[in-house]
């Protein structure tokens, strides 16, 4: 099993234009990845600090793998 942490960044008017999904073997790993991203992202970091995000976690079967196969 694995986890997905979905984080929606709220704009000042409350709309959502950006969604991040952080994957990990544990929720803590997802949160660590979220925090690492926030440290380097000028838009996401302040939104996370100001609690202008909506977070939802879910258990998933496995962490998805990237594929450049155009047939999918």
PDB file of N, CA and C in Angstrom:
ATOM      1  N   UNK A   1       0.839  -1.178   0.000  1.00  0.00           N
ATOM      2  CA  UNK A   1       0.000   0.000   0.000  1.00  0.00           C
ATOM      3  C   UNK A   1       0.885   1.242   0.000  1.00  0.00           C
ATOM      4  N   UNK A   2       0.289   2.331  -0.444  1.00  0.00           N
ATOM      5  CA  UNK A   2       0.977   3.609  -0.502  1.00  0.00           C
ATOM      6  C   UNK A   2      -0.060   4.696  -0.230  1.00  0.00           C
ATOM      7  N   UNK A   3       0.386   5.946  -0.282  1.00  0.00           N
ATOM      8  CA  UNK A   3      -0.505   7.060  -0.005  1.00  0.00           C
ATOM      9  C   UNK A   3      -0.318   8.155  -1.036  1.00  0.00           C
ATOM     10  N   UNK A   4      -1.394   8.914  -1.239  1.00  0.00           N
ATOM     11  CA  UNK A   4      -1.359  10.104  -2.075  1.00  0.00           C
ATOM     12  C   UNK A   4      -1.897  11.258  -1.239  1.00  0.00           C
ATOM     13  N   UNK A   5      -1.131  12.329  -1.172  1.00  0.00           N
ATOM     14  CA  UNK A   5      -1.552  13.546  -0.483  1.00  0.00           C
ATOM     15  C   UNK A   5      -1.826  14.591  -1.548  1.00  0.00           C
ATOM     16  N   UNK A   6      -3.088  14.931  -1.714  1.00  0.00           N
ATOM     17  CA  UNK A   6      -3.494  15.935  -2.697  1.00  0.00           C
ATOM     18  C   UNK A   6      -3.603  17.273  -1.987  1.00  0.00           C
ATOM     19  N   UNK A   7      -2.943  18.284  -2.552  1.00  0.00           N
ATOM     20  CA  UNK A   7      -2.943  19.616  -1.954  1.00  0.00           C
ATOM     21  C   UNK A   7      -3.386  20.610  -3.025  1.00  0.00           C
ATOM     22  N   UNK A   8      -4.533  21.246  -2.804  1.00  0.00           N
ATOM     23  CA  UNK A   8      -5.029  22.283  -3.698  1.00  0.00           C
ATOM     24  C   UNK A   8      -4.618  23.639  -3.145  1.00  0.00           C
ATOM     25  N   UNK A   9      -4.035  24.468  -3.996  1.00  0.00           N
ATOM     26  CA  UNK A   9      -3.615  25.819  -3.612  1.00  0.00           C
ATOM     27  C   UNK A   9      -4.754  26.775  -3.922  1.00  0.00           C
ATOM     28  N   UNK A  10      -5.219  27.478  -2.894  1.00  0.00           N
ATOM     29  CA  UNK A  10      -6.311  28.420  -3.049  1.00  0.00           C
ATOM     30  C   UNK A  10      -5.773  29.778  -3.483  1.00  0.00           C
ATOM     31  N   UNK A  11      -6.421  30.374  -4.464  1.00  0.00           N
ATOM     32  CA  UNK A  11      -6.110  31.744  -4.827  1.00  0.00           C
ATOM     33  C   UNK A  11      -6.785  32.675  -3.814  1.00  0.00           C
ATOM     34  N   UNK A  12      -6.455  33.950  -3.884  1.00  0.00           N
ATOM     35  CA  UNK A  12      -7.007  34.920  -2.928  1.00  0.00           C
ATOM     36  C   UNK A  12      -8.538  34.941  -2.949  1.00  0.00           C
ATOM     37  N   UNK A  13      -9.150  34.670  -4.110  1.00  0.00           N
ATOM     38  CA  UNK A  13     -10.607  34.678  -4.213  1.00  0.00           C
ATOM     39  C   UNK A  13     -11.230  33.315  -3.897  1.00  0.00           C
ATOM     40  N   UNK A  14     -10.394  32.358  -3.491  1.00  0.00           N
ATOM     41  CA  UNK A  14     -10.899  31.039  -3.098  1.00  0.00           C
ATOM     42  C   UNK A  14     -10.983  30.026  -4.221  1.00  0.00           C
ATOM     43  N   UNK A  15     -10.611  30.418  -5.430  1.00  0.00           N
ATOM     44  CA  UNK A  15     -10.616  29.458  -6.530  1.00  0.00           C
ATOM     45  C   UNK A  15      -9.355  28.600  -6.485  1.00  0.00           C
ATOM     46  N   UNK A  16      -9.434  27.459  -7.139  1.00  0.00           N
ATOM     47  CA  UNK A  16      -8.308  26.529  -7.201  1.00  0.00           C
ATOM     48  C   UNK A  16      -7.852  26.440  -8.653  1.00  0.00           C
ATOM     49  N   UNK A  17      -6.586  26.776  -8.900  1.00  0.00           N
ATOM     50  CA  UNK A  17      -6.013  26.645 -10.231  1.00  0.00           C
ATOM     51  C   UNK A  17      -4.829  25.690 -10.250  1.00  0.00           C
ATOM     52  N   UNK A  18      -4.325  25.340  -9.073  1.00  0.00           N
ATOM     53  CA  UNK A  18      -3.146  24.482  -8.989  1.00  0.00           C
ATOM     54  C   UNK A  18      -3.416  23.358  -7.997  1.00  0.00           C
ATOM     55  N   UNK A  19      -3.076  22.132  -8.416  1.00  0.00           N
ATOM     56  CA  UNK A  19      -3.197  20.960  -7.549  1.00  0.00           C
ATOM     57  C   UNK A  19      -1.865  20.215  -7.583  1.00  0.00           C
ATOM     58  N   UNK A  20      -1.379  19.869  -6.399  1.00  0.00           N
ATOM     59  CA  UNK A  20      -0.180  19.054  -6.268  1.00  0.00           C
ATOM     60  C   UNK A  20      -0.597  17.710  -5.679  1.00  0.00           C
ATOM     61  N   UNK A  21       0.058  16.649  -6.115  1.00  0.00           N
ATOM     62  CA  UNK A  21      -0.161  15.332  -5.518  1.00  0.00           C
ATOM     63  C   UNK A  21       1.205  14.778  -5.129  1.00  0.00           C
ATOM     64  N   UNK A  22       1.357  14.480  -3.849  1.00  0.00           N
ATOM     65  CA  UNK A  22       2.607  13.939  -3.321  1.00  0.00           C
ATOM     66  C   UNK A  22       2.375  12.481  -2.935  1.00  0.00           C
ATOM     67  N   UNK A  23       3.239  11.603  -3.419  1.00  0.00           N
ATOM     68  CA  UNK A  23       3.105  10.163  -3.177  1.00  0.00           C
ATOM     69  C   UNK A  23       4.174   9.699  -2.202  1.00  0.00           C
ATOM     70  N   UNK A  24       3.851   8.657  -1.440  1.00  0.00           N
ATOM     71  CA  UNK A  24       4.820   8.065  -0.538  1.00  0.00           C
ATOM     72  C   UNK A  24       4.324   6.743   0.011  1.00  0.00           C
ATOM     73  N   UNK A  25       5.233   6.016   0.621  1.00  0.00           N
ATOM     74  CA  UNK A  25       4.876   4.746   1.263  1.00  0.00           C
ATOM     75  C   UNK A  25       4.113   4.986   2.565  1.00  0.00           C
ATOM     76  N   UNK A  26       4.269   6.180   3.152  1.00  0.00           N
ATOM     77  CA  UNK A  26       3.558   6.566   4.370  1.00  0.00           C
ATOM     78  C   UNK A  26       3.048   8.001   4.202  1.00  0.00           C
ATOM     79  N   UNK A  27       2.092   8.385   5.027  1.00  0.00           N
ATOM     80  CA  UNK A  27       1.620   9.773   5.025  1.00  0.00           C
ATOM     81  C   UNK A  27       2.765  10.713   5.365  1.00  0.00           C
ATOM     82  N   UNK A  28       3.604  10.300   6.310  1.00  0.00           N
ATOM     83  CA  UNK A  28       4.735  11.144   6.710  1.00  0.00           C
ATOM     84  C   UNK A  28       5.680  11.407   5.532  1.00  0.00           C
ATOM     85  N   UNK A  29       5.885  10.414   4.694  1.00  0.00           N
ATOM     86  CA  UNK A  29       6.722  10.606   3.514  1.00  0.00           C
ATOM     87  C   UNK A  29       6.065  11.602   2.555  1.00  0.00           C
ATOM     88  N   UNK A  30       4.764  11.501   2.378  1.00  0.00           N
ATOM     89  CA  UNK A  30       4.045  12.467   1.534  1.00  0.00           C
ATOM     90  C   UNK A  30       4.199  13.880   2.089  1.00  0.00           C
ATOM     91  N   UNK A  31       4.043  14.026   3.390  1.00  0.00           N
ATOM     92  CA  UNK A  31       4.166  15.343   4.021  1.00  0.00           C
ATOM     93  C   UNK A  31       5.583  15.882   3.891  1.00  0.00           C
ATOM     94  N   UNK A  32       6.556  15.014   4.007  1.00  0.00           N
ATOM     95  CA  UNK A  32       7.959  15.426   3.847  1.00  0.00           C
ATOM     96  C   UNK A  32       8.205  15.930   2.422  1.00  0.00           C
ATOM     97  N   UNK A  33       7.661  15.241   1.451  1.00  0.00           N
ATOM     98  CA  UNK A  33       7.792  15.679   0.051  1.00  0.00           C
ATOM     99  C   UNK A  33       7.081  17.021  -0.164  1.00  0.00           C
ATOM    100  N   UNK A  34       5.900  17.175   0.443  1.00  0.00           N
ATOM    101  CA  UNK A  34       5.170  18.446   0.362  1.00  0.00           C
ATOM    102  C   UNK A  34       6.012  19.585   0.926  1.00  0.00           C
ATOM    103  N   UNK A  35       6.583  19.352   2.099  1.00  0.00           N
ATOM    104  CA  UNK A  35       7.392  20.386   2.756  1.00  0.00           C
ATOM    105  C   UNK A  35       8.645  20.715   1.955  1.00  0.00           C
ATOM    106  N   UNK A  36       9.283  19.709   1.370  1.00  0.00           N
ATOM    107  CA  UNK A  36      10.463  19.951   0.539  1.00  0.00           C
ATOM    108  C   UNK A  36      10.101  20.786  -0.678  1.00  0.00           C
ATOM    109  N   UNK A  37       8.965  20.488  -1.283  1.00  0.00           N
ATOM    110  CA  UNK A  37       8.529  21.275  -2.428  1.00  0.00           C
ATOM    111  C   UNK A  37       8.237  22.714  -2.007  1.00  0.00           C
ATOM    112  N   UNK A  38       7.583  22.875  -0.860  1.00  0.00           N
ATOM    113  CA  UNK A  38       7.225  24.210  -0.385  1.00  0.00           C
ATOM    114  C   UNK A  38       8.457  25.075  -0.136  1.00  0.00           C
ATOM    115  N   UNK A  39       9.547  24.464   0.302  1.00  0.00           N
ATOM    116  CA  UNK A  39      10.775  25.219   0.564  1.00  0.00           C
ATOM    117  C   UNK A  39      11.316  25.891  -0.693  1.00  0.00           C
ATOM    118  N   UNK A  40      11.128  25.275  -1.844  1.00  0.00           N
ATOM    119  CA  UNK A  40      11.706  25.797  -3.069  1.00  0.00           C
ATOM    120  C   UNK A  40      10.736  26.469  -4.018  1.00  0.00           C
ATOM    121  N   UNK A  41       9.465  26.495  -3.684  1.00  0.00           N
ATOM    122  CA  UNK A  41       8.459  27.044  -4.597  1.00  0.00           C
ATOM    123  C   UNK A  41       7.934  28.374  -4.067  1.00  0.00           C
ATOM    124  N   UNK A  42       8.144  29.440  -4.844  1.00  0.00           N
ATOM    125  CA  UNK A  42       7.757  30.788  -4.405  1.00  0.00           C
ATOM    126  C   UNK A  42       6.251  30.957  -4.265  1.00  0.00           C
ATOM    127  N   UNK A  43       5.468  30.167  -4.968  1.00  0.00           N
ATOM    128  CA  UNK A  43       4.012  30.293  -4.885  1.00  0.00           C
ATOM    129  C   UNK A  43       3.409  29.337  -3.858  1.00  0.00           C
ATOM    130  N   UNK A  44       3.887  28.098  -3.857  1.00  0.00           N
ATOM    131  CA  UNK A  44       3.301  27.088  -2.982  1.00  0.00           C
ATOM    132  C   UNK A  44       3.713  27.270  -1.526  1.00  0.00           C
ATOM    133  N   UNK A  45       4.967  27.601  -1.292  1.00  0.00           N
ATOM    134  CA  UNK A  45       5.464  27.761   0.077  1.00  0.00           C
ATOM    135  C   UNK A  45       4.657  28.749   0.897  1.00  0.00           C
ATOM    136  N   UNK A  46       4.479  29.988   0.399  1.00  0.00           N
ATOM    137  CA  UNK A  46       3.685  30.962   1.159  1.00  0.00           C
ATOM    138  C   UNK A  46       2.226  30.531   1.341  1.00  0.00           C
ATOM    139  N   UNK A  47       1.657  29.882   0.337  1.00  0.00           N
ATOM    140  CA  UNK A  47       0.271  29.416   0.462  1.00  0.00           C
ATOM    141  C   UNK A  47       0.154  28.376   1.574  1.00  0.00           C
ATOM    142  N   UNK A  48       1.130  27.484   1.663  1.00  0.00           N
ATOM    143  CA  UNK A  48       1.124  26.475   2.721  1.00  0.00           C
ATOM    144  C   UNK A  48       1.288  27.149   4.084  1.00  0.00           C
ATOM    145  N   UNK A  49       2.218  28.096   4.171  1.00  0.00           N
ATOM    146  CA  UNK A  49       2.440  28.820   5.435  1.00  0.00           C
ATOM    147  C   UNK A  49       1.196  29.583   5.877  1.00  0.00           C
ATOM    148  N   UNK A  50       0.473  30.161   4.920  1.00  0.00           N
ATOM    149  CA  UNK A  50      -0.713  30.965   5.218  1.00  0.00           C
ATOM    150  C   UNK A  50      -1.994  30.135   5.285  1.00  0.00           C
ATOM    151  N   UNK A  51      -1.854  28.812   5.209  1.00  0.00           N
ATOM    152  CA  UNK A  51      -2.982  27.883   5.255  1.00  0.00           C
ATOM    153  C   UNK A  51      -4.003  28.169   4.159  1.00  0.00           C
ATOM    154  N   UNK A  52      -3.494  28.514   2.982  1.00  0.00           N
ATOM    155  CA  UNK A  52      -4.340  28.743   1.807  1.00  0.00           C
ATOM    156  C   UNK A  52      -4.315  27.496   0.919  1.00  0.00           C
ATOM    157  N   UNK A  53      -4.431  26.341   1.548  1.00  0.00           N
ATOM    158  CA  UNK A  53      -4.438  25.068   0.843  1.00  0.00           C
ATOM    159  C   UNK A  53      -5.529  24.173   1.419  1.00  0.00           C
ATOM    160  N   UNK A  54      -5.960  23.249   0.617  1.00  0.00           N
ATOM    161  CA  UNK A  54      -6.874  22.197   1.063  1.00  0.00           C
ATOM    162  C   UNK A  54      -6.136  20.883   0.844  1.00  0.00           C
ATOM    163  N   UNK A  55      -6.021  20.082   1.892  1.00  0.00           N
ATOM    164  CA  UNK A  55      -5.295  18.811   1.801  1.00  0.00           C
ATOM    165  C   UNK A  55      -6.240  17.639   2.004  1.00  0.00           C
ATOM    166  N   UNK A  56      -5.993  16.599   1.223  1.00  0.00           N
ATOM    167  CA  UNK A  56      -6.750  15.361   1.370  1.00  0.00           C
ATOM    168  C   UNK A  56      -5.813  14.203   1.095  1.00  0.00           C
ATOM    169  N   UNK A  57      -5.803  13.227   1.981  1.00  0.00           N
ATOM    170  CA  UNK A  57      -4.942  12.062   1.772  1.00  0.00           C
ATOM    171  C   UNK A  57      -5.805  10.836   1.534  1.00  0.00           C
ATOM    172  N   UNK A  58      -5.235   9.905   0.787  1.00  0.00           N
ATOM    173  CA  UNK A  58      -5.932   8.645   0.543  1.00  0.00           C
ATOM    174  C   UNK A  58      -4.917   7.526   0.403  1.00  0.00           C
ATOM    175  N   UNK A  59      -5.356   6.350   0.793  1.00  0.00           N
ATOM    176  CA  UNK A  59      -4.535   5.157   0.615  1.00  0.00           C
ATOM    177  C   UNK A  59      -4.740   4.665  -0.807  1.00  0.00           C
ATOM    178  N   UNK A  60      -3.649   4.327  -1.472  1.00  0.00           N
ATOM    179  CA  UNK A  60      -3.706   3.837  -2.851  1.00  0.00           C
ATOM    180  C   UNK A  60      -2.981   2.501  -2.932  1.00  0.00           C
ATOM    181  N   UNK A  61      -3.212   1.772  -4.006  1.00  0.00           N
ATOM    182  CA  UNK A  61      -2.597   0.455  -4.157  1.00  0.00           C
ATOM    183  C   UNK A  61      -1.088   0.545  -4.351  1.00  0.00           C
ATOM    184  N   UNK A  62      -0.666   1.490  -5.194  1.00  0.00           N
ATOM    185  CA  UNK A  62       0.769   1.634  -5.459  1.00  0.00           C
ATOM    186  C   UNK A  62       1.061   3.034  -5.985  1.00  0.00           C
ATOM    187  N   UNK A  63       2.305   3.435  -5.847  1.00  0.00           N
ATOM    188  CA  UNK A  63       2.735   4.724  -6.362  1.00  0.00           C
ATOM    189  C   UNK A  63       2.809   4.615  -7.884  1.00  0.00           C
ATOM    190  N   UNK A  64       2.165   5.537  -8.599  1.00  0.00           N
ATOM    191  CA  UNK A  64       2.189   5.443 -10.055  1.00  0.00           C
ATOM    192  C   UNK A  64       3.595   5.644 -10.623  1.00  0.00           C
ATOM    193  N   UNK A  65       3.827   5.025 -11.752  1.00  0.00           N
ATOM    194  CA  UNK A  65       5.101   5.170 -12.453  1.00  0.00           C
ATOM    195  C   UNK A  65       4.881   5.996 -13.704  1.00  0.00           C
ATOM    196  N   UNK A  66       5.858   6.793 -14.048  1.00  0.00           N
ATOM    197  CA  UNK A  66       5.791   7.626 -15.241  1.00  0.00           C
ATOM    198  C   UNK A  66       6.021   6.783 -16.476  1.00  0.00           C
ATOM    199  N   UNK A  67       5.305   7.135 -17.531  1.00  0.00           N
ATOM    200  CA  UNK A  67       5.514   6.467 -18.806  1.00  0.00           C
ATOM    201  C   UNK A  67       5.375   7.507 -19.919  1.00  0.00           C
ATOM    202  N   UNK A  68       6.235   7.427 -20.917  1.00  0.00           N
ATOM    203  CA  UNK A  68       6.111   8.337 -22.045  1.00  0.00           C
ATOM    204  C   UNK A  68       5.421   7.670 -23.226  1.00  0.00           C
ATOM    205  N   UNK A  69       4.741   6.594 -22.951  1.00  0.00           N
ATOM    206  CA  UNK A  69       4.006   5.850 -23.976  1.00  0.00           C
ATOM    207  C   UNK A  69       2.799   6.669 -24.412  1.00  0.00           C
ATOM    208  N   UNK A  70       2.776   7.071 -25.670  1.00  0.00           N
ATOM    209  CA  UNK A  70       1.689   7.896 -26.190  1.00  0.00           C
ATOM    210  C   UNK A  70       0.375   7.129 -26.357  1.00  0.00           C
ATOM    211  N   UNK A  71       0.426   5.819 -26.216  1.00  0.00           N
ATOM    212  CA  UNK A  71      -0.769   5.004 -26.415  1.00  0.00           C
ATOM    213  C   UNK A  71      -1.668   4.976 -25.199  1.00  0.00           C
ATOM    214  N   UNK A  72      -1.232   5.527 -24.087  1.00  0.00           N
ATOM    215  CA  UNK A  72      -2.040   5.479 -22.861  1.00  0.00           C
ATOM    216  C   UNK A  72      -3.051   6.590 -22.832  1.00  0.00           C
TER     217      UNK A  72
END
